[in-house]
C-alpha atoms as a PDB file:
ATOM      1  CA  MET A   1      44.478  91.146  57.858  1.00  0.00           C
ATOM      2  CA  GLY A   2      41.852  92.954  55.753  1.00  0.00           C
ATOM      3  CA  ARG A   3      38.817  95.099  56.350  1.00  0.00           C
ATOM      4  CA  ILE A   4      37.753  95.472  59.981  1.00  0.00           C
ATOM      5  CA  GLY A   5      34.540  96.588  61.606  1.00  0.00           C
ATOM      6  CA  MET A   6      30.989  97.297  60.365  1.00  0.00           C
ATOM      7  CA  GLU A   7      30.445  98.099  56.669  1.00  0.00           C
ATOM      8  CA  ASN A   8      27.896 100.731  57.648  1.00  0.00           C
ATOM      9  CA  VAL A   9      29.748 102.672  60.382  1.00  0.00           C
ATOM     10  CA  PRO A  10      27.683 104.262  63.175  1.00  0.00           C
ATOM     11  CA  GLU A  11      26.723 107.959  62.707  1.00  0.00           C
ATOM     12  CA  SER A  12      28.925 108.837  65.768  1.00  0.00           C
ATOM     13  CA  VAL A  13      32.014 107.784  63.802  1.00  0.00           C
ATOM     14  CA  ASN A  14      31.189 110.136  60.991  1.00  0.00           C
ATOM     15  CA  LYS A  15      30.443 112.855  63.529  1.00  0.00           C
ATOM     16  CA  TYR A  16      33.806 112.671  65.265  1.00  0.00           C
ATOM     17  CA  TYR A  17      36.227 111.323  62.607  1.00  0.00           C
ATOM     18  CA  GLN A  18      37.275 112.646  59.292  1.00  0.00           C
ATOM     19  CA  ALA A  19      35.903 110.901  56.195  1.00  0.00           C
ATOM     20  CA  GLU A  20      39.224 110.442  54.443  1.00  0.00           C
ATOM     21  CA  GLU A  21      41.132 107.153  55.016  1.00  0.00           C
ATOM     22  CA  LYS A  22      44.919 107.291  55.243  1.00  0.00           C
ATOM     23  CA  GLU A  23      47.620 104.698  55.965  1.00  0.00           C
ATOM     24  CA  PHE A  24      49.386 104.720  59.325  1.00  0.00           C
ATOM     25  CA  LEU A  25      51.960 102.729  61.221  1.00  0.00           C
ATOM     26  CA  VAL A  26      50.778 102.294  64.833  1.00  0.00           C
ATOM     27  CA  MET A  27      52.379 100.836  68.002  1.00  0.00           C
ATOM     28  CA  THR A  28      49.778  98.887  70.032  1.00  0.00           C
ATOM     29  CA  VAL A  29      49.988  98.120  73.735  1.00  0.00           C
ATOM     30  CA  GLY A  30      47.750  96.094  75.974  1.00  0.00           C
ATOM     31  CA  GLY A  31      44.848  94.037  74.762  1.00  0.00           C
ATOM     32  CA  THR A  32      41.501  94.606  73.050  1.00  0.00           C
ATOM     33  CA  TYR A  33      38.538  95.847  75.036  1.00  0.00           C
ATOM     34  CA  GLY A  34      34.979  96.961  74.158  1.00  0.00           C
ATOM     35  CA  SER A  35      31.738  98.544  75.345  1.00  0.00           C
ATOM     36  CA  LYS A  36      28.233  98.074  73.979  1.00  0.00           C
ATOM     37  CA  CYS A  37      26.354 101.007  72.447  1.00  0.00           C
ATOM     38  CA  ASP A  38      22.993 101.104  70.639  1.00  0.00           C
ATOM     39  CA  GLY A  39      23.113  97.513  69.466  1.00  0.00           C
ATOM     40  CA  TYR A  40      26.780  97.351  68.382  1.00  0.00           C
ATOM     41  CA  TRP A  41      30.128  97.193  70.074  1.00  0.00           C
ATOM     42  CA  ASN A  42      32.829  99.927  70.182  1.00  0.00           C
ATOM     43  CA  LYS A  43      36.094  98.013  70.331  1.00  0.00           C
ATOM     44  CA  SER A  44      39.475  99.616  71.065  1.00  0.00           C
ATOM     45  CA  ILE A  45      43.157  98.911  71.697  1.00  0.00           C
ATOM     46  CA  ALA A  46      45.629 101.398  73.144  1.00  0.00           C
ATOM     47  CA  ILE A  47      48.367 102.821  70.973  1.00  0.00           C
ATOM     48  CA  LEU A  48      51.452 104.741  71.996  1.00  0.00           C
ATOM     49  CA  GLY A  49      51.508 106.816  68.794  1.00  0.00           C
ATOM     50  CA  TYR A  50      51.436 106.601  65.011  1.00  0.00           C
ATOM     51  CA  VAL A  51      53.200 107.589  61.852  1.00  0.00           C
ATOM     52  CA  GLU A  52      51.181 108.881  58.864  1.00  0.00           C
ATOM     53  CA  VAL A  53      52.762 106.946  56.080  1.00  0.00           C
ATOM     54  CA  GLU A  54      52.260 109.466  53.185  1.00  0.00           C
ATOM     55  CA  SER A  55      53.401 112.636  54.969  1.00  0.00           C
ATOM     56  CA  GLY A  56      55.685 111.079  57.553  1.00  0.00           C
ATOM     57  CA  ARG A  57      53.926 113.105  60.326  1.00  0.00           C
ATOM     58  CA  THR A  58      54.282 111.495  63.721  1.00  0.00           C
ATOM     59  CA  SER A  59      52.272 111.532  66.911  1.00  0.00           C
ATOM     60  CA  ASN A  60      53.525 110.412  70.429  1.00  0.00           C
ATOM     61  CA  ILE A  61      50.115 111.046  72.021  1.00  0.00           C
ATOM     62  CA  LYS A  62      48.881 107.902  73.758  1.00  0.00           C
ATOM     63  CA  GLY A  63      45.401 107.165  72.438  1.00  0.00           C
ATOM     64  CA  SER A  64      43.553 104.203  70.882  1.00  0.00           C
ATOM     65  CA  LEU A  65      42.511 102.532  67.667  1.00  0.00           C
ATOM     66  CA  SER A  66      38.758 102.154  67.575  1.00  0.00           C
ATOM     67  CA  TRP A  67      36.321 100.277  65.388  1.00  0.00           C
ATOM     68  CA  SER A  68      32.688  99.101  65.559  1.00  0.00           C
ATOM     69  CA  VAL A  69      31.295  95.578  65.273  1.00  0.00           C
ATOM     70  CA  GLU A  70      27.903  93.970  65.623  1.00  0.00           C
ATOM     71  CA  ASP A  71      29.285  90.784  67.198  1.00  0.00           C
ATOM     72  CA  TYR A  72      32.030  91.270  69.852  1.00  0.00           C
ATOM     73  CA  LYS A  73      33.886  88.065  68.870  1.00  0.00           C
ATOM     74  CA  ALA A  74      33.459  88.444  65.106  1.00  0.00           C
ATOM     75  CA  ASP A  75      36.679  90.156  64.252  1.00  0.00           C
ATOM     76  CA  GLY A  76      39.189  92.878  65.134  1.00  0.00           C
ATOM     77  CA  ASN A  77      41.257  91.259  67.803  1.00  0.00           C
ATOM     78  CA  PHE A  78      44.663  92.696  67.553  1.00  0.00           C
ATOM     79  CA  LYS A  79      47.437  90.662  69.180  1.00  0.00           C
ATOM     80  CA  LYS A  80      48.349  91.904  72.663  1.00  0.00           C
ATOM     81  CA  GLY A  81      51.118  94.353  73.190  1.00  0.00           C
ATOM     82  CA  GLY A  82      54.210  95.848  71.511  1.00  0.00           C
ATOM     83  CA  ILE A  83      53.397  95.190  67.864  1.00  0.00           C
ATOM     84  CA  ILE A  84      53.670  97.712  64.938  1.00  0.00           C
ATOM     85  CA  TYR A  85      50.686  97.418  62.570  1.00  0.00           C
ATOM     86  CA  ARG A  86      50.222  98.997  59.187  1.00  0.00           C
ATOM     87  CA  ILE A  87      46.566 100.088  58.939  1.00  0.00           C
ATOM     88  CA  LYS A  88      44.173 102.265  57.127  1.00  0.00           C
ATOM     89  CA  GLY A  89      42.207 104.593  59.400  1.00  0.00           C
ATOM     90  CA  ARG A  90      40.482 107.970  59.921  1.00  0.00           C
ATOM     91  CA  LEU A  91      41.794 110.806  61.934  1.00  0.00           C
ATOM     92  CA  PRO A  92      39.693 112.676  64.531  1.00  0.00           C
ATOM     93  CA  LYS A  93      38.010 115.867  63.255  1.00  0.00           C
ATOM     94  CA  LEU A  94      39.626 119.154  64.174  1.00  0.00           C
ATOM     95  CA  LEU A  95      37.970 121.828  66.253  1.00  0.00           C
ATOM     96  CA  ASP A  96      37.565 125.357  65.178  1.00  0.00           C
ATOM     97  CA  GLY A  97      40.951 126.962  64.876  1.00  0.00           C
ATOM     98  CA  GLY A  98      42.605 123.673  63.995  1.00  0.00           C
ATOM     99  CA  GLU A  99      43.005 122.225  67.465  1.00  0.00           C
ATOM    100  CA  PRO A 100      43.017 118.415  67.487  1.00  0.00           C
ATOM    101  CA  TRP A 101      39.878 116.669  68.714  1.00  0.00           C
ATOM    102  CA  ILE A 102      41.868 115.348  71.685  1.00  0.00           C
ATOM    103  CA  ASN A 103      41.331 118.728  73.314  1.00  0.00           C
ATOM    104  CA  ASN A 104      37.561 118.616  73.151  1.00  0.00           C
ATOM    105  CA  GLU A 105      35.252 117.631  75.991  1.00  0.00           C
ATOM    106  CA  TYR A 106      35.178 113.949  74.973  1.00  0.00           C
ATOM    107  CA  ARG A 107      38.989 113.676  75.203  1.00  0.00           C
ATOM    108  CA  MET A 108      39.023 111.614  71.971  1.00  0.00           C
ATOM    109  CA  SER A 109      42.464 110.623  70.608  1.00  0.00           C
ATOM    110  CA  GLY A 110      43.841 108.089  68.208  1.00  0.00           C
ATOM    111  CA  LEU A 111      42.257 106.740  65.038  1.00  0.00           C
ATOM    112  CA  TYR A 112      39.279 104.896  63.729  1.00  0.00           C
ATOM    113  CA  VAL A 113      40.719 101.841  61.996  1.00  0.00           C
ATOM    114  CA  THR A 114      39.063 100.454  58.816  1.00  0.00           C
ATOM    115  CA  GLU A 115      41.648  97.950  57.539  1.00  0.00           C
ATOM    116  CA  ILE A 116      44.635  95.981  58.877  1.00  0.00           C
ATOM    117  CA  ILE A 117      47.161  95.851  56.158  1.00  0.00           C
ATOM    118  CA  SER A 118      50.086  94.107  57.893  1.00  0.00           C
ATOM    119  CA  GLU A 119      51.680  93.379  61.268  1.00  0.00           C
ATOM    120  CA  ASN A 120      55.237  93.173  62.767  1.00  0.00           C
ATOM    121  CA  GLU A 121      56.419  96.246  60.854  1.00  0.00           C
ATOM    122  CA  LYS A 122      59.583  98.111  61.767  1.00  0.00           C
ATOM    123  CA  ASN A 123      59.813 101.773  62.618  1.00  0.00           C
ATOM    124  CA  GLU A 124      62.395 103.462  64.779  1.00  0.00           C
ATOM    125  CA  PHE A 125      60.165 106.219  66.079  1.00  0.00           C
ATOM    126  CA  LEU A 126      57.510 103.806  67.296  1.00  0.00           C
ATOM    127  CA  GLU A 127      60.122 101.352  68.649  1.00  0.00           C
ATOM    128  CA  ASN A 128      61.613 104.171  70.750  1.00  0.00           C
ATOM    129  CA  LEU A 129      58.193 104.952  72.111  1.00  0.00           C
ATOM    130  CA  LEU A 130      57.821 101.263  73.214  1.00  0.00           C
ATOM    131  CA  THR A 131      61.210 101.339  74.815  1.00  0.00           C
ATOM    132  CA  GLU A 132      60.337 104.391  76.833  1.00  0.00           C
ATOM    133  CA  TYR A 133      56.927 102.986  77.758  1.00  0.00           C
ATOM    134  CA  ARG A 134      58.486  99.800  79.086  1.00  0.00           C
ATOM    135  CA  LYS A 135      60.852 101.634  81.500  1.00  0.00           C
ATOM    136  CA  GLU A 136      59.780 101.163  85.059  1.00  0.00           C
ATOM    137  CA  VAL A 137      58.211 104.161  86.871  1.00  0.00           C
ATOM    138  CA  SER A 138      57.894 103.787  90.618  1.00  0.00           C
ATOM    139  CA  ILE A 139      57.623 105.614  93.952  1.00  0.00           C
ATOM    140  CA  ASN A 140      58.887 104.364  97.305  1.00  0.00           C
ATOM    141  CA  SER A 141      57.050 104.593 100.612  1.00  0.00           C
ATOM    142  CA  GLU A 142      58.453 103.799 104.014  1.00  0.00           C
ATOM    143  CA  VAL A 143      54.900 102.646 105.008  1.00  0.00           C
ATOM    144  CA  LEU A 144      53.724 100.801 101.903  1.00  0.00           C
ATOM    145  CA  GLY A 145      56.895  99.770 100.170  1.00  0.00           C
ATOM    146  CA  LYS A 146      57.467 100.177  96.421  1.00  0.00           C
ATOM    147  CA  LEU A 147      54.581 101.161  94.171  1.00  0.00           C
ATOM    148  CA  ILE A 148      55.057 100.562  90.404  1.00  0.00           C
ATOM    149  CA  LEU A 149      53.132 102.450  87.660  1.00  0.00           C
ATOM    150  CA  ASN A 150      50.953 100.049  85.712  1.00  0.00           C
ATOM    151  CA  LYS A 151      50.876 101.992  82.476  1.00  0.00           C
ATOM    152  CA  GLU A 152      48.066 100.022  80.875  1.00  0.00           C
ATOM    153  CA  VAL A 153      45.589 101.266  83.494  1.00  0.00           C
ATOM    154  CA  ASN A 154      47.567 104.352  84.733  1.00  0.00           C
ATOM    155  CA  LEU A 155      47.641 103.244  88.326  1.00  0.00           C
ATOM    156  CA  TYR A 156      50.545 102.934  90.908  1.00  0.00           C
ATOM    157  CA  GLU A 157      50.241  99.541  92.525  1.00  0.00           C
ATOM    158  CA  THR A 158      52.089  98.107  95.545  1.00  0.00           C
ATOM    159  CA  GLU A 159      54.766  95.780  94.228  1.00  0.00           C
ATOM    160  CA  ASN A 160      53.869  93.148  96.817  1.00  0.00           C
ATOM    161  CA  ASP A 161      50.759  92.420  98.804  1.00  0.00           C
ATOM    162  CA  ILE A 162      50.783  94.152 102.200  1.00  0.00           C
ATOM    163  CA  GLU A 163      49.206  92.949 105.428  1.00  0.00           C
ATOM    164  CA  TRP A 164      45.853  94.461 106.416  1.00  0.00           C
ATOM    165  CA  CYS A 165      44.214  93.165 109.624  1.00  0.00           C
ATOM    166  CA  GLY A 166      44.832  89.582 108.670  1.00  0.00           C
ATOM    167  CA  ASP A 167      44.218  89.962 104.953  1.00  0.00           C
ATOM    168  CA  ASN A 168      46.735  90.476 102.219  1.00  0.00           C
ATOM    169  CA  ILE A 169      45.813  93.476 100.020  1.00  0.00           C
ATOM    170  CA  LYS A 170      46.998  95.678  97.179  1.00  0.00           C
ATOM    171  CA  ILE A 171      46.929  99.500  97.398  1.00  0.00           C
ATOM    172  CA  THR A 172      46.593 101.547  94.259  1.00  0.00           C
ATOM    173  CA  LEU A 173      46.928 105.213  93.499  1.00  0.00           C
ATOM    174  CA  THR A 174      45.405 106.942  90.423  1.00  0.00           C
ATOM    175  CA  ALA A 175      48.283 108.317  88.318  1.00  0.00           C
ATOM    176  CA  ASP A 176      46.370 111.107  86.578  1.00  0.00           C
ATOM    177  CA  GLY A 177      47.418 114.640  87.344  1.00  0.00           C
ATOM    178  CA  ASP A 178      50.288 115.877  89.527  1.00  0.00           C
ATOM    179  CA  ASP A 179      48.993 114.940  92.995  1.00  0.00           C
ATOM    180  CA  VAL A 180      50.692 111.553  93.435  1.00  0.00           C
ATOM    181  CA  ASP A 181      52.501 112.852  96.557  1.00  0.00           C
ATOM    182  CA  GLU A 182      49.150 113.844  98.067  1.00  0.00           C
ATOM    183  CA  LEU A 183      47.635 110.514  97.163  1.00  0.00           C
ATOM    184  CA  LEU A 184      50.493 108.655  98.754  1.00  0.00           C
ATOM    185  CA  ALA A 185      50.151 110.718 101.897  1.00  0.00           C
ATOM    186  CA  ASP A 186      46.480 109.833 102.080  1.00  0.00           C
ATOM    187  CA  ALA A 187      47.159 106.117 101.538  1.00  0.00           C
ATOM    188  CA  GLU A 188      49.918 106.072 104.183  1.00  0.00           C
ATOM    189  CA  GLU A 189      47.772 107.769 106.791  1.00  0.00           C
ATOM    190  CA  PHE A 190      44.795 105.426 105.895  1.00  0.00           C
ATOM    191  CA  TYR A 191      47.027 102.437 106.323  1.00  0.00           C
ATOM    192  CA  LYS A 192      48.469 103.582 109.672  1.00  0.00           C
ATOM    193  CA  ASN A 193      44.936 103.637 111.033  1.00  0.00           C
ATOM    194  CA  ARG A 194      43.955 100.394 109.377  1.00  0.00           C
ATOM    195  CA  GLN A 195      42.461  98.811 112.572  1.00  0.00           C
ATOM    196  CA  GLU A 196      39.828 101.580 112.825  1.00  0.00           C
ATOM    197  CA  TRP A 197      39.202 101.794 109.087  1.00  0.00           C
ATOM    198  CA  ASP A 198      38.857  98.024 108.851  1.00  0.00           C
ATOM    199  CA  ARG A 199      36.132  98.094 111.519  1.00  0.00           C
ATOM    200  CA  LYS A 200      34.330 101.044 109.886  1.00  0.00           C
ATOM    201  CA  ILE A 201      34.398  99.541 106.353  1.00  0.00           C
ATOM    202  CA  ARG A 202      32.972  96.265 107.545  1.00  0.00           C
ATOM    203  CA  GLU A 203      30.215  98.002 109.587  1.00  0.00           C
ATOM    204  CA  TYR A 204      29.263 100.216 106.761  1.00  0.00           C
ATOM    205  CA  ALA A 205      29.136  97.489 104.118  1.00  0.00           C
ATOM    206  CA  SER A 206      27.135  95.214 106.371  1.00  0.00           C
ATOM    207  CA  GLU A 207      24.636  97.901 107.211  1.00  0.00           C
ATOM    208  CA  TYR A 208      23.909  98.657 103.522  1.00  0.00           C
ATOM    209  CA  LEU A 209      24.334  95.217 101.909  1.00  0.00           C
ATOM    210  CA  THR A 210      23.195  92.479 104.384  1.00  0.00           C
ATOM    211  CA  GLU A 211      19.533  92.844 103.356  1.00  0.00           C
ATOM    212  CA  LEU A 212      20.544  92.399  99.736  1.00  0.00           C
ATOM    213  CA  ALA A 213      22.731  89.411 100.563  1.00  0.00           C
ATOM    214  CA  ASN A 214      19.699  87.718 102.210  1.00  0.00           C
ATOM    215  CA  ASP A 215      17.709  88.417  99.068  1.00  0.00           C
ATOM    216  CA  TRP A 216      20.303  86.590  97.025  1.00  0.00           C
ATOM    217  CA  LYS A 217      20.614  83.780  99.532  1.00  0.00           C
ATOM    218  CA  TYR A 218      16.769  83.336  99.624  1.00  0.00           C
ATOM    219  CA  ASP A 219      16.575  83.283  95.809  1.00  0.00           C
ATOM    220  CA  ALA A 220      19.370  80.734  95.585  1.00  0.00           C
ATOM    221  CA  GLU A 221      17.953  78.359  98.214  1.00  0.00           C
ATOM    222  CA  SER A 222      14.309  78.606  97.172  1.00  0.00           C
ATOM    223  CA  GLY A 223      15.131  78.222  93.564  1.00  0.00           C
ATOM    224  CA  ASN A 224      17.440  75.275  93.851  1.00  0.00           C
ATOM    225  CA  ASP A 225      15.583  73.108  96.402  1.00  0.00           C
ATOM    226  CA  GLU A 226      12.169  71.704  95.625  1.00  0.00           C
ATOM    227  CA  ASP A 227      11.741  70.863  99.359  1.00  0.00           C
ATOM    228  CA  PHE A 228      12.619  74.402 100.462  1.00  0.00           C
ATOM    229  CA  ASN A 229      10.843  75.488 103.662  1.00  0.00           C
ATOM    230  CA  GLU A 230      10.658  79.175 104.262  1.00  0.00           C
ATOM    231  CA  ASP A 231      10.532  78.517 108.010  1.00  0.00           C
ATOM    232  CA  ASP A 232      13.989  76.936 107.823  1.00  0.00           C
ATOM    233  CA  PHE A 233      15.606  79.856 106.103  1.00  0.00           C
ATOM    234  CA  VAL A 234      18.536  81.311 108.172  1.00  0.00           C
ATOM    235  CA  GLU A 235      19.249  84.936 107.470  1.00  0.00           C
ATOM    236  CA  ILE A 236      22.755  86.283 107.286  1.00  0.00           C
ATOM    237  CA  THR A 237      23.233  88.777 110.219  1.00  0.00           C
ATOM    238  CA  GLU A 238      25.065  92.094 109.887  1.00  0.00           C
ATOM    239  CA  GLU A 239      27.730  90.721 112.222  1.00  0.00           C
ATOM    240  CA  GLU A 240      28.229  87.669 109.977  1.00  0.00           C
ATOM    241  CA  PHE A 241      28.367  89.777 106.855  1.00  0.00           C
ATOM    242  CA  ALA A 242      31.016  92.011 108.350  1.00  0.00           C
ATOM    243  CA  LYS A 243      33.144  89.062 109.214  1.00  0.00           C
ATOM    244  CA  ARG A 244      32.719  87.263 105.902  1.00  0.00           C
ATOM    245  CA  ILE A 245      33.786  89.959 103.433  1.00  0.00           C
ATOM    246  CA  GLU A 246      37.608  89.939 102.694  1.00  0.00           C
ATOM    247  CA  ILE A 247      39.287  93.264 101.850  1.00  0.00           C
ATOM    248  CA  CYS A 248      41.626  92.760  98.847  1.00  0.00           C
ATOM    249  CA  ASP A 249      42.292  96.125  97.216  1.00  0.00           C
ATOM    250  CA  ILE A 250      42.022  99.752  98.272  1.00  0.00           C
ATOM    251  CA  SER A 251      42.332 102.506  95.637  1.00  0.00           C
ATOM    252  CA  PHE A 252      42.935 106.270  96.217  1.00  0.00           C
ATOM    253  CA  ASP A 253      41.608 108.605  93.551  1.00  0.00           C
ATOM    254  CA  GLY A 254      42.458 112.127  94.592  1.00  0.00           C
ATOM    255  CA  ASP A 255      40.773 114.783  96.844  1.00  0.00           C
ATOM    256  CA  GLY A 256      40.552 112.170  99.585  1.00  0.00           C
ATOM    257  CA  ASP A 257      38.357 109.744  97.658  1.00  0.00           C
ATOM    258  CA  PHE A 258      38.868 106.091  98.102  1.00  0.00           C
ATOM    259  CA  SER A 259      37.311 102.731  96.947  1.00  0.00           C
ATOM    260  CA  VAL A 260      37.625  99.493  98.929  1.00  0.00           C
ATOM    261  CA  TYR A 261      37.172  96.236  97.003  1.00  0.00           C
ATOM    262  CA  CYS A 262      36.225  93.065  98.899  1.00  0.00           C
ATOM    263  CA  ASN A 263      35.684  89.418  98.101  1.00  0.00           C
ATOM    264  CA  ASP A 264      32.084  88.502  98.931  1.00  0.00           C
ATOM    265  CA  ASP A 265      32.557  84.938 100.289  1.00  0.00           C
ATOM    266  CA  ASP A 266      29.950  83.870  97.658  1.00  0.00           C
ATOM    267  CA  MET A 267      27.188  85.837  99.304  1.00  0.00           C
ATOM    268  CA  PHE A 268      26.642  87.519  95.948  1.00  0.00           C
ATOM    269  CA  TRP A 269      27.758  84.502  93.881  1.00  0.00           C
ATOM    270  CA  GLY A 270      31.320  85.813  93.421  1.00  0.00           C
ATOM    271  CA  HIS A 271      30.614  89.470  92.801  1.00  0.00           C
ATOM    272  CA  THR A 272      32.866  92.105  94.285  1.00  0.00           C
ATOM    273  CA  VAL A 273      31.708  94.211  97.243  1.00  0.00           C
ATOM    274  CA  ILE A 274      32.837  97.843  96.846  1.00  0.00           C
ATOM    275  CA  VAL A 275      32.678 100.598  99.431  1.00  0.00           C
ATOM    276  CA  TYR A 276      33.168 104.125  98.377  1.00  0.00           C
ATOM    277  CA  GLY A 277      34.216 107.047 100.648  1.00  0.00           C
ATOM    278  CA  ASN A 278      36.262 110.052 101.394  1.00  0.00           C
ATOM    279  CA  ILE A 279      38.972 110.352 104.117  1.00  0.00           C
ATOM    280  CA  LYS A 280      37.626 113.672 105.255  1.00  0.00           C
ATOM    281  CA  THR A 281      33.903 113.293 104.883  1.00  0.00           C
ATOM    282  CA  GLY A 282      33.358 109.610 105.466  1.00  0.00           C
ATOM    283  CA  PHE A 283      31.561 106.835 103.566  1.00  0.00           C
ATOM    284  CA  GLU A 284      29.443 107.539 100.530  1.00  0.00           C
ATOM    285  CA  SER A 285      27.927 104.255  99.219  1.00  0.00           C
ATOM    286  CA  ALA A 286      28.386 100.526  99.029  1.00  0.00           C
ATOM    287  CA  ASP A 287      27.518  98.270  96.066  1.00  0.00           C
ATOM    288  CA  ILE A 288      28.388  95.074  94.266  1.00  0.00           C
ATOM    289  CA  ALA A 289      29.972  94.756  90.851  1.00  0.00           C
ATOM    290  CA  GLY A 290      31.615  92.224  88.492  1.00  0.00           C
END
């Protein structure tokens, strides 16, 4: 409990949030996450809504609590999920005409938190939001089985792993917008033609990433072996690369876009191989991440 975040807040906070601090009750969900920006960290945790203590005004807009720290591990780790906190914080500024900042181009919502006063508070409005949030939302597919909405990341995910050319994979659908039926149709058609797609994915990934895999292999072997002999170096072939990657997750993002996530069999020291494409126009890029 107590003050949270940097004493001298970044200028971006003053630009986007009101100066006045007020007390709020907030319902947190999920865990804390962060991103680095200009030498400090922006940390956040999702909230389902809040109650402004003095006025009693309520909000059921899902947003976030945000704060800034110089050291990511220094402070500000809220406990994960389903807890009502009493905080002091700053509301987003309003646009011309009084519209809340959530409607601006940055899609900002929630509060900038400056102090944690207490935890495990009680509030009927916020508890009802949590009850509704925890209700299962799902869709059923004769091809893929049941897909359940993961509300923390806003994705529909197959309830169980499904078979894909010898691998067990997850299929996910982005839940933004009203095109879930279209996404499901794309995923079902993609899966029905999985033998052809599996071959194309592996060929494309190997064409674009085998050279990079050999760079990584060369660096590893030459850097870890004092007796390394360049003449003994055995390159990974495109055929070998295509066989070694293991498809583990395919995500469909709307307008025919898809992302295929693959285990790298340690060719990139445990990084994930990602192939991006579109059902109608074909593959777009391949990269590694993680």
